[in-house]
Amino acid sequence: MKFAAILFVFASVVHAHDIITTPITWSREISRIVLKKCAGCHTQKGSAFPLTTYKEVRPWVVAIREEVLHRTMPPWGAVKGFGEFSNDTSLTPEEIELIVNWSEGGVPEGEEKDLPKDVGVPVMPRIASLNRIALTGTLKLQRPFKLGALVPKKTIPNASFQITAELPDGTIEPLLWLKDYRDRYAHPFVLRAPLLLPAGTTIRGVPPGNMVMLAPAPK
């Protein structure tokens, strides 16, 4: 797997000991970011190799820094700020800066007492499985629809497109802007707050060869 090969190369050049030049530590700052944004996949029982302890993370520090700087990990696949989602795993600029400064400052572990007490992994919000609407091209709603999530069902490699909803009064609601979305990291986009779309709303933006399911908000 190409990504794993790249990680191996980066990991192989990490030195065993570094001079500490930063007050940022794994225990106090970095562990909280990783548990919040990465542990959904990177756990012992997850879909990727575990990154929940300092011992697990330490060999991959250089690779992690490169992936974070290129925003390829975590693989969110959407433009931040175009729609609001409760399961957004993309890193903020502040989180990226912390990770980079920590990785370049000697990767200090910190003290055990500073580790977060809650080590549970993120839980995916509930998504309604019934009454979903398939969206490709343009769709005009014939009845009101309370939108809870958008679920990419089929996308071309590295898909990039914007989905918007035009309400009957002319208001434009940004729903989702996929950018370099990859099917192998497929996941839903759960709205932070359900959006009521009245009858007559026109939803557009999904080009041919792609399909996105509109899932209603759970009752």
Protein backbone atom coordinates (compact mmCIF):
# COMPACT_ATOMS: atom_id res chain seq x y z
CA MET A 1 0.00 0.00 0.00
CA LYS A 2 1.59 3.30 -1.13
CA PHE A 3 0.67 5.30 1.99
CA ALA A 4 2.08 2.63 4.29
CA ALA A 5 5.31 2.56 2.27
CA ILE A 6 5.70 6.32 2.57
CA LEU A 7 5.09 6.14 6.30
CA PHE A 8 7.75 3.42 6.63
CA VAL A 9 10.33 5.59 4.88
CA PHE A 10 9.57 8.58 7.08
CA ALA A 11 9.51 6.47 10.23
CA SER A 12 12.87 4.93 9.44
CA VAL A 13 14.66 8.29 9.63
CA VAL A 14 13.35 9.33 13.05
CA HIS A 15 16.19 9.56 15.54
CA ALA A 16 15.96 7.73 18.82
CA HIS A 17 16.85 10.86 20.82
CA ASP A 18 16.29 14.54 20.09
CA ILE A 19 17.10 17.77 21.86
CA ILE A 20 13.94 19.14 23.50
CA THR A 21 13.23 22.72 22.40
CA THR A 22 9.46 22.97 22.93
CA PRO A 23 7.19 23.01 25.99
CA ILE A 24 4.52 21.13 23.99
CA THR A 25 4.20 17.52 25.13
CA TRP A 26 2.41 14.36 24.08
CA SER A 27 0.74 14.00 27.47
CA ARG A 28 -0.65 17.52 27.69
CA GLU A 29 -1.51 18.67 24.13
CA ILE A 30 -0.82 16.15 21.36
CA SER A 31 -2.54 13.11 22.88
CA ARG A 32 -5.80 15.06 23.10
CA ILE A 33 -5.64 16.02 19.42
CA VAL A 34 -4.87 12.45 18.34
CA LEU A 35 -7.63 10.93 20.47
CA LYS A 36 -10.17 13.45 19.21
CA LYS A 37 -9.26 13.50 15.51
CA CYS A 38 -7.40 10.25 14.73
CA ALA A 39 -8.45 7.51 17.13
CA GLY A 40 -11.63 6.74 15.20
CA CYS A 41 -9.42 4.70 12.81
CA HIS A 42 -6.01 4.47 14.50
CA THR A 43 -6.74 2.04 17.36
CA GLN A 44 -5.95 -1.60 18.07
CA LYS A 45 -9.33 -2.60 16.63
CA GLY A 46 -9.56 0.18 14.06
CA SER A 47 -9.02 0.22 10.30
CA ALA A 48 -5.46 1.59 10.59
CA PHE A 49 -2.40 0.96 12.77
CA PRO A 50 -2.80 2.23 16.35
CA LEU A 51 -1.70 5.72 17.38
CA THR A 52 -3.18 6.10 20.83
CA THR A 53 -0.03 6.01 22.99
CA TYR A 54 3.32 7.82 22.89
CA LYS A 55 5.10 4.53 22.22
CA GLU A 56 2.89 3.89 19.19
CA VAL A 57 3.19 7.43 17.82
CA ARG A 58 6.93 8.04 18.36
CA PRO A 59 8.25 6.04 15.34
CA TRP A 60 5.84 7.81 12.98
CA VAL A 61 6.40 11.42 14.03
CA VAL A 62 8.07 12.60 10.82
CA ALA A 63 5.44 10.90 8.67
CA ILE A 64 2.64 12.36 10.76
CA ARG A 65 4.08 15.86 10.39
CA GLU A 66 4.24 15.53 6.59
CA GLU A 67 0.70 14.15 6.31
CA VAL A 68 -0.65 16.86 8.59
CA LEU A 69 1.10 19.66 6.69
CA HIS A 70 -0.30 18.36 3.39
CA ARG A 71 -3.73 17.88 5.01
CA THR A 72 -3.94 14.32 3.74
CA MET A 73 -4.46 13.05 7.27
CA PRO A 74 -6.92 12.91 8.88
CA PRO A 75 -8.67 12.16 5.55
CA TRP A 76 -11.69 14.45 5.93
CA GLY A 77 -12.06 15.15 2.22
CA ALA A 78 -14.10 18.35 2.40
CA VAL A 79 -13.48 22.10 2.51
CA LYS A 80 -13.77 23.45 6.05
CA GLY A 81 -16.43 26.12 6.55
CA PHE A 82 -18.65 25.03 3.65
CA GLY A 83 -21.35 23.43 5.78
CA GLU A 84 -21.02 22.60 9.48
CA PHE A 85 -20.57 18.98 10.57
CA SER A 86 -20.59 17.35 13.98
CA ASN A 87 -18.13 14.62 12.95
CA ASP A 88 -15.53 16.93 11.39
CA THR A 89 -12.12 15.32 11.93
CA SER A 90 -10.09 17.88 9.99
CA LEU A 91 -7.40 19.66 11.96
CA THR A 92 -7.62 23.34 12.81
CA PRO A 93 -4.65 25.61 12.00
CA GLU A 94 -3.89 25.74 15.73
CA GLU A 95 -3.83 21.93 15.99
CA ILE A 96 -1.54 21.66 12.97
CA GLU A 97 0.83 24.21 14.49
CA LEU A 98 0.96 22.30 17.77
CA ILE A 99 1.77 19.00 16.03
CA VAL A 100 4.45 20.57 13.83
CA ASN A 101 6.11 22.47 16.69
CA TRP A 102 6.06 19.34 18.86
CA SER A 103 7.55 17.15 16.12
CA GLU A 104 10.29 19.69 15.38
CA GLY A 105 10.98 20.43 19.03
CA GLY A 106 12.24 17.05 20.15
CA VAL A 107 8.93 15.17 20.57
CA PRO A 108 8.78 15.36 24.39
CA GLU A 109 6.52 12.83 26.07
CA GLY A 110 5.61 14.83 29.16
CA GLU A 111 4.26 13.49 32.43
CA GLU A 112 1.75 10.71 32.90
CA LYS A 113 -0.38 12.85 35.20
CA ASP A 114 -1.13 15.19 32.26
CA LEU A 115 -2.64 12.47 30.07
CA PRO A 116 -6.39 12.82 29.36
CA LYS A 117 -8.54 10.79 31.72
CA ASP A 118 -11.12 9.93 29.06
CA VAL A 119 -9.44 7.72 26.45
CA GLY A 120 -12.61 6.69 24.62
CA VAL A 121 -12.55 6.95 20.82
CA PRO A 122 -14.99 9.25 18.98
CA VAL A 123 -18.44 7.81 18.38
CA MET A 124 -20.10 8.36 15.01
CA PRO A 125 -23.40 10.26 15.33
CA ARG A 126 -26.49 8.24 14.45
CA ILE A 127 -27.60 8.45 10.83
CA ALA A 128 -31.07 7.51 9.60
CA SER A 129 -30.97 4.47 7.31
CA LEU A 130 -34.47 4.79 5.84
CA ASN A 131 -36.00 7.35 3.45
CA ARG A 132 -32.70 8.45 1.98
CA ILE A 133 -32.69 10.35 -1.32
CA ALA A 134 -30.14 9.61 -4.04
CA LEU A 135 -28.62 12.78 -5.48
CA THR A 136 -26.82 13.05 -8.80
CA GLY A 137 -27.07 16.10 -11.01
CA THR A 138 -29.93 18.39 -9.95
CA LEU A 139 -32.91 17.47 -7.77
CA LYS A 140 -36.03 19.48 -6.88
CA LEU A 141 -37.75 18.39 -3.68
CA GLN A 142 -41.44 17.65 -4.04
CA ARG A 143 -41.99 17.60 -0.27
CA PRO A 144 -40.21 19.00 2.80
CA PHE A 145 -37.09 17.13 3.85
CA LYS A 146 -35.22 17.46 7.15
CA LEU A 147 -31.61 16.85 6.16
CA GLY A 148 -29.39 15.16 8.74
CA ALA A 149 -26.38 13.96 6.77
CA LEU A 150 -24.82 13.65 3.34
CA VAL A 151 -23.35 10.25 2.52
CA PRO A 152 -21.10 9.88 -0.56
CA LYS A 153 -22.19 6.63 -2.16
CA LYS A 154 -20.16 6.70 -5.35
CA THR A 155 -17.41 9.13 -6.29
CA ILE A 156 -14.77 9.30 -8.97
CA PRO A 157 -11.13 9.25 -7.76
CA ASN A 158 -10.19 12.44 -5.88
CA ALA A 159 -13.66 13.88 -6.44
CA SER A 160 -14.10 17.64 -6.03
CA PHE A 161 -17.51 19.35 -6.26
CA GLN A 162 -19.85 21.64 -4.32
CA ILE A 163 -23.39 20.72 -3.25
CA THR A 164 -25.80 23.57 -2.55
CA ALA A 165 -29.50 23.91 -1.84
CA GLU A 166 -31.50 26.78 -3.31
CA LEU A 167 -34.62 27.39 -1.23
CA PRO A 168 -37.87 28.63 -2.84
CA ASP A 169 -37.19 32.17 -1.57
CA GLY A 170 -33.83 32.23 -3.39
CA THR A 171 -31.66 31.62 -0.32
CA ILE A 172 -28.59 29.48 -1.05
CA GLU A 173 -27.54 27.00 1.62
CA PRO A 174 -24.02 25.51 1.30
CA LEU A 175 -24.28 21.79 2.04
CA LEU A 176 -20.96 20.12 1.24
CA TRP A 177 -17.82 20.86 -0.77
CA LEU A 178 -15.90 17.68 -1.45
CA LYS A 179 -12.25 18.23 -2.34
CA ASP A 180 -9.93 15.36 -3.28
CA TYR A 181 -12.38 12.95 -1.63
CA ARG A 182 -11.20 9.34 -1.65
CA ASP A 183 -13.57 6.39 -1.53
CA ARG A 184 -11.14 4.28 0.48
CA TYR A 185 -11.65 6.69 3.38
CA ALA A 186 -15.41 6.84 2.83
CA HIS A 187 -17.45 8.37 5.64
CA PRO A 188 -20.67 10.37 6.08
CA PHE A 189 -20.90 14.10 6.69
CA VAL A 190 -23.29 14.61 9.61
CA LEU A 191 -24.78 18.10 9.93
CA ARG A 192 -24.13 19.83 13.22
CA ALA A 193 -27.79 20.90 13.20
CA PRO A 194 -30.48 19.30 10.98
CA LEU A 195 -31.54 21.51 8.08
CA LEU A 196 -35.21 21.73 7.07
CA LEU A 197 -35.48 22.00 3.29
CA PRO A 198 -38.99 23.03 2.18
CA ALA A 199 -40.78 21.62 -0.85
CA GLY A 200 -39.53 23.30 -4.00
CA THR A 201 -35.90 23.39 -2.82
CA THR A 202 -33.43 22.68 -5.63
CA ILE A 203 -30.30 20.73 -4.72
CA ARG A 204 -27.49 20.71 -7.23
CA GLY A 205 -23.79 20.12 -7.65
CA VAL A 206 -23.22 16.36 -7.97
CA PRO A 207 -21.64 15.73 -11.41
CA PRO A 208 -22.23 12.61 -13.54
CA GLY A 209 -20.39 9.55 -12.30
CA ASN A 210 -20.95 10.49 -8.65
CA MET A 211 -23.77 9.87 -6.20
CA VAL A 212 -24.45 11.31 -2.76
CA MET A 213 -27.25 10.10 -0.50
CA LEU A 214 -29.27 12.65 1.46
CA ALA A 215 -30.10 11.12 4.84
CA PRO A 216 -32.96 12.51 6.94
CA ALA A 217 -32.30 13.62 10.49
CA PRO A 218 -32.99 10.79 13.00
CA LYS A 219 -36.30 11.18 14.81
